Amino acid sequence: MSKSWVGELVRGVLVLVVALQVFVMNYRLGLLMERVEALMDSSSSPVGPPLVSVGDTLAPVKGQNARDLAESELTFGSKPSVVFFISPNCPYCTKSVPYFGSIRDEIKPHANIFAIGSAPADKLRHYAVEHVLAMEVYSVPLPWLRKSGLTRTPTTVVVSSVGRVEGVWTGALTQKLAAEITRSVLNLKS
């Protein structure tokens, strides 16, 4: 009878140990999921500040239009520009798409607006169609992006008519940031 009692005790302890391990694993999984959700939250942004700064100048660049695959030189002249630096693989870019549209609708008569990325033009075209980006989208060379300090997506840059960077926002856009970007562009016009 004592052997049976010891065996039951050992089994009970083993069950308790396994239950404790399952609890710890679930707890750790819960913490991990909270971190993942925080990263995907629209108020979160990629780590680190943007590398392009107010006062920098964006040089003209040859890019390939994602719509018709034609080569074009992107210049910053005649009126202000809003440039969205995007990547088809960036979840923050996708979360920002509705705000791209609202900014475009308010500033279109007053500024040029387009998106750029280092992905091949066909991938950018697919992204633009899938997410209904009603603006020109260009594939530009990665070395130009790096030299310009555009290395984090999404980055939104407001550029004056002479090519001077007037504002930079990195990370997923929100309604508040979209309004701030719109004001920034409209202030350049006046």
N, C-alpha and C. Protein backbone atom coordinates (compact mmCIF):
# COMPACT_ATOMS: atom_id res chain seq x y z
N MET A 1 0.81 -1.19 0.00
CA MET A 1 0.00 0.00 0.00
C MET A 1 0.86 1.26 0.00
N SER A 2 2.01 1.23 0.66
CA SER A 2 2.84 2.42 0.71
C SER A 2 3.47 2.71 -0.65
N LYS A 3 3.77 1.64 -1.43
CA LYS A 3 4.30 1.87 -2.77
C LYS A 3 3.26 2.59 -3.63
N SER A 4 2.03 2.22 -3.49
CA SER A 4 0.95 2.84 -4.26
C SER A 4 0.82 4.31 -3.88
N TRP A 5 0.93 4.59 -2.62
CA TRP A 5 0.82 5.96 -2.15
C TRP A 5 1.97 6.82 -2.68
N VAL A 6 3.17 6.31 -2.70
CA VAL A 6 4.33 7.03 -3.21
C VAL A 6 4.18 7.24 -4.72
N GLY A 7 3.72 6.22 -5.41
CA GLY A 7 3.51 6.34 -6.86
C GLY A 7 2.49 7.42 -7.18
N GLU A 8 1.41 7.46 -6.41
CA GLU A 8 0.39 8.48 -6.62
C GLU A 8 0.94 9.88 -6.34
N LEU A 9 1.75 9.96 -5.31
CA LEU A 9 2.36 11.24 -4.97
C LEU A 9 3.29 11.72 -6.09
N VAL A 10 4.11 10.82 -6.62
CA VAL A 10 5.02 11.16 -7.71
C VAL A 10 4.22 11.60 -8.94
N ARG A 11 3.17 10.85 -9.27
CA ARG A 11 2.33 11.23 -10.41
C ARG A 11 1.69 12.60 -10.17
N GLY A 12 1.24 12.84 -8.98
CA GLY A 12 0.63 14.13 -8.66
C GLY A 12 1.62 15.27 -8.81
N VAL A 13 2.85 15.06 -8.33
CA VAL A 13 3.89 16.08 -8.44
C VAL A 13 4.22 16.32 -9.92
N LEU A 14 4.32 15.25 -10.70
CA LEU A 14 4.60 15.39 -12.13
C LEU A 14 3.49 16.17 -12.84
N VAL A 15 2.25 15.87 -12.51
CA VAL A 15 1.13 16.60 -13.10
C VAL A 15 1.22 18.08 -12.72
N LEU A 16 1.54 18.35 -11.47
CA LEU A 16 1.68 19.72 -11.01
C LEU A 16 2.81 20.44 -11.74
N VAL A 17 3.94 19.77 -11.94
CA VAL A 17 5.08 20.35 -12.65
C VAL A 17 4.70 20.65 -14.10
N VAL A 18 4.04 19.72 -14.76
CA VAL A 18 3.61 19.93 -16.14
C VAL A 18 2.62 21.09 -16.21
N ALA A 19 1.67 21.14 -15.28
CA ALA A 19 0.69 22.23 -15.27
C ALA A 19 1.40 23.57 -15.07
N LEU A 20 2.39 23.61 -14.19
CA LEU A 20 3.15 24.83 -13.95
C LEU A 20 3.92 25.25 -15.20
N GLN A 21 4.51 24.29 -15.91
CA GLN A 21 5.22 24.60 -17.15
C GLN A 21 4.26 25.15 -18.21
N VAL A 22 3.08 24.56 -18.32
CA VAL A 22 2.09 25.05 -19.27
C VAL A 22 1.68 26.48 -18.90
N PHE A 23 1.48 26.73 -17.62
CA PHE A 23 1.12 28.07 -17.17
C PHE A 23 2.20 29.08 -17.53
N VAL A 24 3.46 28.74 -17.27
CA VAL A 24 4.58 29.64 -17.56
C VAL A 24 4.68 29.89 -19.07
N MET A 25 4.52 28.84 -19.86
CA MET A 25 4.57 29.00 -21.32
C MET A 25 3.44 29.91 -21.81
N ASN A 26 2.24 29.73 -21.30
CA ASN A 26 1.11 30.58 -21.69
C ASN A 26 1.35 32.02 -21.26
N TYR A 27 1.91 32.21 -20.08
CA TYR A 27 2.21 33.55 -19.59
C TYR A 27 3.22 34.23 -20.52
N ARG A 28 4.30 33.51 -20.86
CA ARG A 28 5.30 34.07 -21.77
C ARG A 28 4.72 34.35 -23.14
N LEU A 29 3.86 33.47 -23.63
CA LEU A 29 3.20 33.69 -24.92
C LEU A 29 2.33 34.93 -24.86
N GLY A 30 1.63 35.12 -23.75
CA GLY A 30 0.81 36.31 -23.59
C GLY A 30 1.64 37.58 -23.63
N LEU A 31 2.79 37.57 -22.96
CA LEU A 31 3.69 38.73 -22.99
C LEU A 31 4.20 38.98 -24.41
N LEU A 32 4.55 37.92 -25.10
CA LEU A 32 5.03 38.05 -26.47
C LEU A 32 3.94 38.64 -27.37
N MET A 33 2.72 38.16 -27.22
CA MET A 33 1.62 38.67 -28.04
C MET A 33 1.34 40.14 -27.75
N GLU A 34 1.47 40.55 -26.49
CA GLU A 34 1.30 41.97 -26.15
C GLU A 34 2.35 42.82 -26.86
N ARG A 35 3.59 42.31 -26.92
CA ARG A 35 4.65 43.05 -27.60
C ARG A 35 4.39 43.14 -29.10
N VAL A 36 3.95 42.04 -29.68
CA VAL A 36 3.64 42.04 -31.12
C VAL A 36 2.51 43.01 -31.40
N GLU A 37 1.45 42.99 -30.59
CA GLU A 37 0.34 43.91 -30.79
C GLU A 37 0.79 45.35 -30.64
N ALA A 38 1.68 45.62 -29.70
CA ALA A 38 2.18 46.98 -29.52
C ALA A 38 2.96 47.44 -30.75
N LEU A 39 3.73 46.52 -31.34
CA LEU A 39 4.47 46.86 -32.55
C LEU A 39 3.54 47.15 -33.72
N MET A 40 2.44 46.43 -33.79
CA MET A 40 1.50 46.60 -34.90
C MET A 40 0.53 47.75 -34.67
N ASP A 41 0.48 48.27 -33.46
CA ASP A 41 -0.42 49.37 -33.14
C ASP A 41 -0.04 50.59 -33.99
N SER A 42 -1.03 51.29 -34.49
CA SER A 42 -0.76 52.42 -35.38
C SER A 42 -0.04 53.56 -34.67
N SER A 43 -0.07 53.58 -33.33
CA SER A 43 0.65 54.64 -32.63
C SER A 43 2.13 54.31 -32.50
N SER A 44 2.49 53.08 -32.80
CA SER A 44 3.89 52.68 -32.75
C SER A 44 4.57 53.11 -34.03
N SER A 45 5.87 53.22 -33.99
CA SER A 45 6.60 53.54 -35.20
C SER A 45 7.91 52.77 -35.19
N PRO A 46 8.56 52.69 -36.35
CA PRO A 46 9.84 52.01 -36.40
C PRO A 46 10.83 52.63 -35.42
N VAL A 47 11.76 51.84 -34.98
CA VAL A 47 12.73 52.28 -33.99
C VAL A 47 13.64 53.34 -34.60
N GLY A 48 13.86 54.40 -33.87
CA GLY A 48 14.82 55.41 -34.26
C GLY A 48 14.21 56.57 -35.02
N PRO A 49 14.90 57.69 -34.97
CA PRO A 49 14.42 58.88 -35.68
C PRO A 49 14.69 58.77 -37.17
N PRO A 50 13.99 59.57 -37.97
CA PRO A 50 14.28 59.57 -39.40
C PRO A 50 15.70 60.09 -39.63
N LEU A 51 16.30 59.68 -40.72
CA LEU A 51 17.65 60.14 -41.01
C LEU A 51 17.66 61.40 -41.85
N VAL A 52 16.60 61.65 -42.61
CA VAL A 52 16.47 62.89 -43.34
C VAL A 52 15.97 63.94 -42.36
N SER A 53 16.44 65.17 -42.49
CA SER A 53 16.10 66.20 -41.51
C SER A 53 15.57 67.46 -42.19
N VAL A 54 14.82 68.24 -41.42
CA VAL A 54 14.36 69.54 -41.88
C VAL A 54 15.60 70.36 -42.23
N GLY A 55 15.55 71.01 -43.37
CA GLY A 55 16.69 71.81 -43.84
C GLY A 55 17.53 71.09 -44.88
N ASP A 56 17.44 69.76 -44.93
CA ASP A 56 18.14 69.00 -45.97
C ASP A 56 17.55 69.35 -47.33
N THR A 57 18.27 69.04 -48.38
CA THR A 57 17.77 69.23 -49.74
C THR A 57 17.67 67.88 -50.41
N LEU A 58 16.54 67.64 -51.08
CA LEU A 58 16.40 66.41 -51.85
C LEU A 58 16.78 66.70 -53.29
N ALA A 59 17.76 65.98 -53.77
CA ALA A 59 18.22 66.16 -55.14
C ALA A 59 17.25 65.47 -56.10
N PRO A 60 17.19 65.94 -57.34
CA PRO A 60 16.38 65.24 -58.33
C PRO A 60 16.85 63.80 -58.48
N VAL A 61 15.96 62.92 -58.88
CA VAL A 61 16.31 61.51 -59.04
C VAL A 61 15.53 60.92 -60.20
N LYS A 62 16.16 60.02 -60.93
CA LYS A 62 15.45 59.29 -61.98
C LYS A 62 14.76 58.11 -61.33
N GLY A 63 13.48 57.99 -61.65
CA GLY A 63 12.70 56.88 -61.12
C GLY A 63 11.86 56.25 -62.21
N GLN A 64 11.39 55.07 -61.93
CA GLN A 64 10.53 54.37 -62.88
C GLN A 64 9.09 54.44 -62.38
N ASN A 65 8.22 55.03 -63.20
CA ASN A 65 6.82 55.15 -62.84
C ASN A 65 6.21 53.75 -62.76
N ALA A 66 5.59 53.43 -61.64
CA ALA A 66 5.04 52.09 -61.45
C ALA A 66 3.82 51.85 -62.34
N ARG A 67 3.14 52.91 -62.77
CA ARG A 67 1.94 52.75 -63.59
C ARG A 67 2.29 52.35 -65.01
N ASP A 68 3.17 53.13 -65.65
CA ASP A 68 3.47 52.87 -67.06
C ASP A 68 4.91 52.42 -67.31
N LEU A 69 5.70 52.27 -66.24
CA LEU A 69 7.09 51.81 -66.29
C LEU A 69 8.02 52.76 -67.04
N ALA A 70 7.56 53.98 -67.30
CA ALA A 70 8.39 54.98 -67.98
C ALA A 70 9.39 55.57 -66.99
N GLU A 71 10.57 55.87 -67.50
CA GLU A 71 11.58 56.56 -66.69
C GLU A 71 11.20 58.03 -66.59
N SER A 72 11.31 58.58 -65.40
CA SER A 72 11.00 59.99 -65.19
C SER A 72 12.02 60.57 -64.22
N GLU A 73 12.29 61.86 -64.39
CA GLU A 73 13.13 62.52 -63.40
C GLU A 73 12.21 63.22 -62.41
N LEU A 74 12.36 62.86 -61.15
CA LEU A 74 11.57 63.49 -60.09
C LEU A 74 12.35 64.71 -59.61
N THR A 75 11.74 65.86 -59.78
CA THR A 75 12.35 67.10 -59.33
C THR A 75 11.40 67.77 -58.36
N PHE A 76 11.94 68.63 -57.57
CA PHE A 76 11.14 69.32 -56.57
C PHE A 76 11.15 70.80 -56.94
N GLY A 77 10.18 71.20 -57.72
CA GLY A 77 10.12 72.57 -58.18
C GLY A 77 8.71 72.97 -58.53
N SER A 78 8.49 74.21 -58.73
CA SER A 78 7.23 74.85 -59.11
C SER A 78 6.22 74.92 -57.97
N LYS A 79 6.07 73.86 -57.20
CA LYS A 79 5.20 73.91 -56.01
C LYS A 79 5.67 72.87 -55.00
N PRO A 80 5.23 72.98 -53.75
CA PRO A 80 5.66 72.02 -52.73
C PRO A 80 5.29 70.59 -53.11
N SER A 81 5.98 69.65 -52.47
CA SER A 81 5.70 68.23 -52.71
C SER A 81 5.56 67.50 -51.38
N VAL A 82 4.70 66.49 -51.41
CA VAL A 82 4.62 65.54 -50.30
C VAL A 82 5.06 64.21 -50.87
N VAL A 83 6.08 63.63 -50.24
CA VAL A 83 6.65 62.37 -50.69
C VAL A 83 6.42 61.33 -49.62
N PHE A 84 5.76 60.23 -50.00
CA PHE A 84 5.57 59.10 -49.09
C PHE A 84 6.58 58.03 -49.48
N PHE A 85 7.52 57.71 -48.59
CA PHE A 85 8.47 56.64 -48.84
C PHE A 85 7.84 55.37 -48.28
N ILE A 86 7.56 54.40 -49.16
CA ILE A 86 6.82 53.20 -48.79
C ILE A 86 7.56 51.94 -49.20
N SER A 87 7.09 50.83 -48.65
CA SER A 87 7.55 49.51 -49.05
C SER A 87 6.34 48.59 -49.07
N PRO A 88 6.21 47.75 -50.10
CA PRO A 88 5.07 46.83 -50.16
C PRO A 88 5.01 45.87 -48.97
N ASN A 89 6.13 45.64 -48.29
CA ASN A 89 6.16 44.71 -47.16
C ASN A 89 5.99 45.38 -45.80
N CYS A 90 5.72 46.66 -45.79
CA CYS A 90 5.67 47.43 -44.54
C CYS A 90 4.24 47.51 -44.01
N PRO A 91 3.95 46.91 -42.85
CA PRO A 91 2.60 47.00 -42.30
C PRO A 91 2.21 48.42 -41.90
N TYR A 92 3.18 49.24 -41.52
CA TYR A 92 2.89 50.63 -41.15
C TYR A 92 2.46 51.43 -42.38
N CYS A 93 3.06 51.11 -43.53
CA CYS A 93 2.65 51.77 -44.79
C CYS A 93 1.20 51.46 -45.09
N THR A 94 0.83 50.20 -44.97
CA THR A 94 -0.54 49.78 -45.26
C THR A 94 -1.52 50.46 -44.30
N LYS A 95 -1.15 50.57 -43.02
CA LYS A 95 -2.02 51.26 -42.06
C LYS A 95 -2.15 52.74 -42.38
N SER A 96 -1.17 53.30 -43.09
CA SER A 96 -1.16 54.73 -43.40
C SER A 96 -1.92 55.07 -44.68
N VAL A 97 -2.24 54.08 -45.50
CA VAL A 97 -2.88 54.33 -46.80
C VAL A 97 -4.10 55.25 -46.72
N PRO A 98 -5.05 55.03 -45.80
CA PRO A 98 -6.21 55.94 -45.76
C PRO A 98 -5.80 57.40 -45.51
N TYR A 99 -4.75 57.61 -44.75
CA TYR A 99 -4.29 58.96 -44.46
C TYR A 99 -3.59 59.57 -45.67
N PHE A 100 -2.89 58.74 -46.47
CA PHE A 100 -2.31 59.24 -47.71
C PHE A 100 -3.42 59.88 -48.55
N GLY A 101 -4.55 59.18 -48.64
CA GLY A 101 -5.69 59.67 -49.43
C GLY A 101 -6.26 60.96 -48.89
N SER A 102 -6.40 61.06 -47.57
CA SER A 102 -6.99 62.29 -47.01
C SER A 102 -6.05 63.48 -47.19
N ILE A 103 -4.75 63.26 -47.07
CA ILE A 103 -3.78 64.33 -47.31
C ILE A 103 -3.85 64.75 -48.77
N ARG A 104 -3.85 63.77 -49.67
CA ARG A 104 -3.90 64.04 -51.10
C ARG A 104 -5.13 64.88 -51.45
N ASP A 105 -6.28 64.50 -50.91
CA ASP A 105 -7.52 65.21 -51.24
C ASP A 105 -7.48 66.68 -50.83
N GLU A 106 -6.80 66.97 -49.74
CA GLU A 106 -6.78 68.35 -49.25
C GLU A 106 -5.70 69.21 -49.89
N ILE A 107 -4.59 68.61 -50.33
CA ILE A 107 -3.48 69.43 -50.82
C ILE A 107 -3.24 69.34 -52.31
N LYS A 108 -3.92 68.44 -52.99
CA LYS A 108 -3.64 68.19 -54.41
C LYS A 108 -3.54 69.46 -55.25
N PRO A 109 -4.43 70.42 -55.11
CA PRO A 109 -4.28 71.61 -55.97
C PRO A 109 -3.05 72.45 -55.61
N HIS A 110 -2.54 72.29 -54.40
CA HIS A 110 -1.47 73.16 -53.91
C HIS A 110 -0.09 72.51 -53.93
N ALA A 111 -0.02 71.20 -54.12
CA ALA A 111 1.27 70.50 -54.02
C ALA A 111 1.27 69.25 -54.88
N ASN A 112 2.48 68.86 -55.27
CA ASN A 112 2.66 67.56 -55.91
C ASN A 112 2.62 66.50 -54.81
N ILE A 113 2.10 65.35 -55.13
CA ILE A 113 2.05 64.27 -54.14
C ILE A 113 2.34 62.96 -54.83
N PHE A 114 3.29 62.21 -54.29
CA PHE A 114 3.62 60.93 -54.87
C PHE A 114 4.28 60.04 -53.84
N ALA A 115 4.37 58.77 -54.17
CA ALA A 115 5.01 57.78 -53.31
C ALA A 115 6.25 57.25 -54.03
N ILE A 116 7.26 56.95 -53.25
CA ILE A 116 8.48 56.36 -53.80
C ILE A 116 8.85 55.14 -52.98
N GLY A 117 9.58 54.25 -53.59
CA GLY A 117 10.08 53.07 -52.89
C GLY A 117 11.23 52.47 -53.66
N SER A 118 11.97 51.60 -53.00
CA SER A 118 13.10 50.96 -53.67
C SER A 118 12.71 49.62 -54.29
N ALA A 119 11.50 49.17 -54.04
CA ALA A 119 11.03 47.91 -54.64
C ALA A 119 10.93 48.07 -56.15
N PRO A 120 11.00 46.98 -56.89
CA PRO A 120 10.81 47.07 -58.35
C PRO A 120 9.46 47.69 -58.68
N ALA A 121 9.40 48.38 -59.81
CA ALA A 121 8.20 49.10 -60.21
C ALA A 121 6.97 48.19 -60.28
N ASP A 122 7.14 46.94 -60.75
CA ASP A 122 5.97 46.06 -60.85
C ASP A 122 5.40 45.72 -59.48
N LYS A 123 6.26 45.57 -58.47
CA LYS A 123 5.77 45.31 -57.10
C LYS A 123 5.07 46.54 -56.54
N LEU A 124 5.64 47.71 -56.82
CA LEU A 124 5.00 48.94 -56.35
C LEU A 124 3.66 49.16 -57.06
N ARG A 125 3.60 48.81 -58.35
CA ARG A 125 2.33 48.94 -59.09
C ARG A 125 1.27 48.02 -58.46
N HIS A 126 1.64 46.78 -58.17
CA HIS A 126 0.70 45.85 -57.55
C HIS A 126 0.22 46.41 -56.20
N TYR A 127 1.14 46.94 -55.41
CA TYR A 127 0.78 47.52 -54.10
C TYR A 127 -0.17 48.70 -54.28
N ALA A 128 0.15 49.58 -55.26
CA ALA A 128 -0.68 50.77 -55.50
C ALA A 128 -2.09 50.38 -55.93
N VAL A 129 -2.20 49.35 -56.76
CA VAL A 129 -3.51 48.89 -57.21
C VAL A 129 -4.26 48.23 -56.06
N GLU A 130 -3.57 47.35 -55.34
CA GLU A 130 -4.21 46.62 -54.24
C GLU A 130 -4.72 47.57 -53.16
N HIS A 131 -3.99 48.64 -52.90
CA HIS A 131 -4.36 49.56 -51.81
C HIS A 131 -4.96 50.87 -52.32
N VAL A 132 -5.25 50.95 -53.59
CA VAL A 132 -5.90 52.09 -54.22
C VAL A 132 -5.17 53.40 -53.90
N LEU A 133 -3.89 53.44 -54.23
CA LEU A 133 -3.11 54.67 -54.07
C LEU A 133 -3.36 55.53 -55.30
N ALA A 134 -4.15 56.56 -55.15
CA ALA A 134 -4.50 57.44 -56.27
C ALA A 134 -3.47 58.55 -56.37
N MET A 135 -2.24 58.15 -56.67
CA MET A 135 -1.14 59.09 -56.86
C MET A 135 -0.09 58.38 -57.68
N GLU A 136 0.85 59.13 -58.19
CA GLU A 136 1.95 58.51 -58.91
C GLU A 136 2.85 57.79 -57.91
N VAL A 137 3.35 56.64 -58.31
CA VAL A 137 4.24 55.83 -57.48
C VAL A 137 5.47 55.52 -58.32
N TYR A 138 6.65 55.74 -57.73
CA TYR A 138 7.90 55.57 -58.46
C TYR A 138 8.84 54.63 -57.73
N SER A 139 9.52 53.81 -58.50
CA SER A 139 10.63 53.01 -57.99
C SER A 139 11.89 53.84 -58.21
N VAL A 140 12.62 54.09 -57.12
CA VAL A 140 13.83 54.89 -57.21
C VAL A 140 15.02 54.08 -56.70
N PRO A 141 16.22 54.43 -57.14
CA PRO A 141 17.40 53.65 -56.75
C PRO A 141 17.68 53.72 -55.25
N LEU A 142 18.00 52.58 -54.69
CA LEU A 142 18.32 52.49 -53.26
C LEU A 142 19.48 53.42 -52.86
N PRO A 143 20.54 53.54 -53.66
CA PRO A 143 21.61 54.48 -53.26
C PRO A 143 21.12 55.91 -53.08
N TRP A 144 20.18 56.37 -53.94
CA TRP A 144 19.63 57.73 -53.78
C TRP A 144 18.85 57.83 -52.47
N LEU A 145 18.07 56.80 -52.17
CA LEU A 145 17.30 56.82 -50.92
C LEU A 145 18.23 56.89 -49.72
N ARG A 146 19.28 56.08 -49.73
CA ARG A 146 20.23 56.09 -48.61
C ARG A 146 20.92 57.45 -48.49
N LYS A 147 21.36 57.99 -49.62
CA LYS A 147 22.04 59.29 -49.61
C LYS A 147 21.10 60.39 -49.11
N SER A 148 19.82 60.26 -49.44
CA SER A 148 18.82 61.25 -49.02
C SER A 148 18.36 61.05 -47.59
N GLY A 149 18.76 59.95 -46.96
CA GLY A 149 18.36 59.68 -45.59
C GLY A 149 16.98 59.05 -45.48
N LEU A 150 16.49 58.50 -46.58
CA LEU A 150 15.18 57.85 -46.57
C LEU A 150 15.40 56.34 -46.48
N THR A 151 15.50 55.85 -45.25
CA THR A 151 15.79 54.44 -45.07
C THR A 151 14.76 53.72 -44.20
N ARG A 152 13.80 54.45 -43.65
CA ARG A 152 12.77 53.83 -42.81
C ARG A 152 11.40 54.07 -43.43
N THR A 153 10.59 53.02 -43.44
CA THR A 153 9.24 53.17 -44.00
C THR A 153 8.21 52.98 -42.90
N PRO A 154 7.10 53.69 -43.02
CA PRO A 154 6.88 54.80 -43.95
C PRO A 154 7.51 56.08 -43.41
N THR A 155 8.01 56.87 -44.31
CA THR A 155 8.47 58.22 -43.98
C THR A 155 7.72 59.17 -44.91
N THR A 156 7.16 60.21 -44.34
CA THR A 156 6.47 61.24 -45.11
C THR A 156 7.33 62.50 -45.03
N VAL A 157 7.62 63.06 -46.20
CA VAL A 157 8.49 64.24 -46.26
C VAL A 157 7.75 65.35 -47.01
N VAL A 158 7.72 66.53 -46.42
CA VAL A 158 7.19 67.72 -47.10
C VAL A 158 8.40 68.50 -47.60
N VAL A 159 8.39 68.78 -48.91
CA VAL A 159 9.51 69.44 -49.56
C VAL A 159 9.01 70.74 -50.18
N SER A 160 9.75 71.82 -49.97
CA SER A 160 9.37 73.11 -50.56
C SER A 160 9.59 73.08 -52.07
N SER A 161 9.16 74.13 -52.73
CA SER A 161 9.29 74.19 -54.19
C SER A 161 10.75 74.30 -54.64
N VAL A 162 11.67 74.56 -53.72
CA VAL A 162 13.09 74.62 -54.08
C VAL A 162 13.85 73.38 -53.60
N GLY A 163 13.12 72.37 -53.14
CA GLY A 163 13.76 71.11 -52.76
C GLY A 163 14.18 71.01 -51.31
N ARG A 164 13.88 72.02 -50.50
CA ARG A 164 14.26 72.01 -49.08
C ARG A 164 13.24 71.21 -48.29
N VAL A 165 13.74 70.31 -47.44
CA VAL A 165 12.85 69.51 -46.58
C VAL A 165 12.29 70.42 -45.50
N GLU A 166 10.96 70.49 -45.44
CA GLU A 166 10.28 71.35 -44.48
C GLU A 166 9.66 70.58 -43.32
N GLY A 167 9.48 69.27 -43.49
CA GLY A 167 8.90 68.45 -42.43
C GLY A 167 9.13 66.98 -42.71
N VAL A 168 9.31 66.20 -41.63
CA VAL A 168 9.56 64.76 -41.76
C VAL A 168 8.77 64.04 -40.68
N TRP A 169 8.05 62.99 -41.07
CA TRP A 169 7.31 62.15 -40.15
C TRP A 169 7.62 60.69 -40.47
N THR A 170 8.05 59.92 -39.49
CA THR A 170 8.36 58.51 -39.70
C THR A 170 7.43 57.67 -38.85
N GLY A 171 6.93 56.61 -39.44
CA GLY A 171 6.03 55.70 -38.74
C GLY A 171 4.63 55.80 -39.29
N ALA A 172 3.77 54.95 -38.76
CA ALA A 172 2.38 54.92 -39.22
C ALA A 172 1.71 56.26 -38.98
N LEU A 173 0.95 56.71 -39.97
CA LEU A 173 0.24 57.97 -39.83
C LEU A 173 -1.03 57.78 -39.02
N THR A 174 -1.43 58.85 -38.38
CA THR A 174 -2.69 58.90 -37.65
C THR A 174 -3.46 60.10 -38.19
N GLN A 175 -4.69 60.25 -37.76
CA GLN A 175 -5.48 61.40 -38.20
C GLN A 175 -4.81 62.70 -37.77
N LYS A 176 -4.27 62.72 -36.57
CA LYS A 176 -3.61 63.92 -36.06
C LYS A 176 -2.37 64.26 -36.90
N LEU A 177 -1.56 63.25 -37.23
CA LEU A 177 -0.37 63.50 -38.05
C LEU A 177 -0.75 63.92 -39.47
N ALA A 178 -1.79 63.32 -40.02
CA ALA A 178 -2.25 63.70 -41.36
C ALA A 178 -2.66 65.17 -41.39
N ALA A 179 -3.36 65.61 -40.35
CA ALA A 179 -3.76 67.02 -40.27
C ALA A 179 -2.53 67.92 -40.14
N GLU A 180 -1.53 67.49 -39.38
CA GLU A 180 -0.30 68.26 -39.21
C GLU A 180 0.46 68.37 -40.53
N ILE A 181 0.52 67.29 -41.29
CA ILE A 181 1.19 67.29 -42.59
C ILE A 181 0.45 68.22 -43.54
N THR A 182 -0.86 68.13 -43.56
CA THR A 182 -1.68 68.98 -44.43
C THR A 182 -1.44 70.46 -44.10
N ARG A 183 -1.46 70.81 -42.81
CA ARG A 183 -1.20 72.20 -42.40
C ARG A 183 0.19 72.66 -42.85
N SER A 184 1.16 71.76 -42.70
CA SER A 184 2.54 72.08 -43.08
C SER A 184 2.62 72.45 -44.56
N VAL A 185 1.94 71.68 -45.40
CA VAL A 185 1.95 71.97 -46.84
C VAL A 185 1.22 73.25 -47.16
N LEU A 186 0.04 73.42 -46.58
CA LEU A 186 -0.75 74.62 -46.86
C LEU A 186 -0.05 75.87 -46.36
N ASN A 187 0.71 75.79 -45.28
CA ASN A 187 1.48 76.94 -44.79
C ASN A 187 2.59 77.31 -45.75
N LEU A 188 3.15 76.32 -46.47
CA LEU A 188 4.21 76.61 -47.45
C LEU A 188 3.65 77.40 -48.61
N LYS A 189 2.39 77.11 -48.96
CA LYS A 189 1.76 77.77 -50.09
C LYS A 189 1.57 79.27 -49.84
N SER A 190 1.25 79.62 -48.58
CA SER A 190 0.95 81.02 -48.29
C SER A 190 2.19 81.87 -48.08
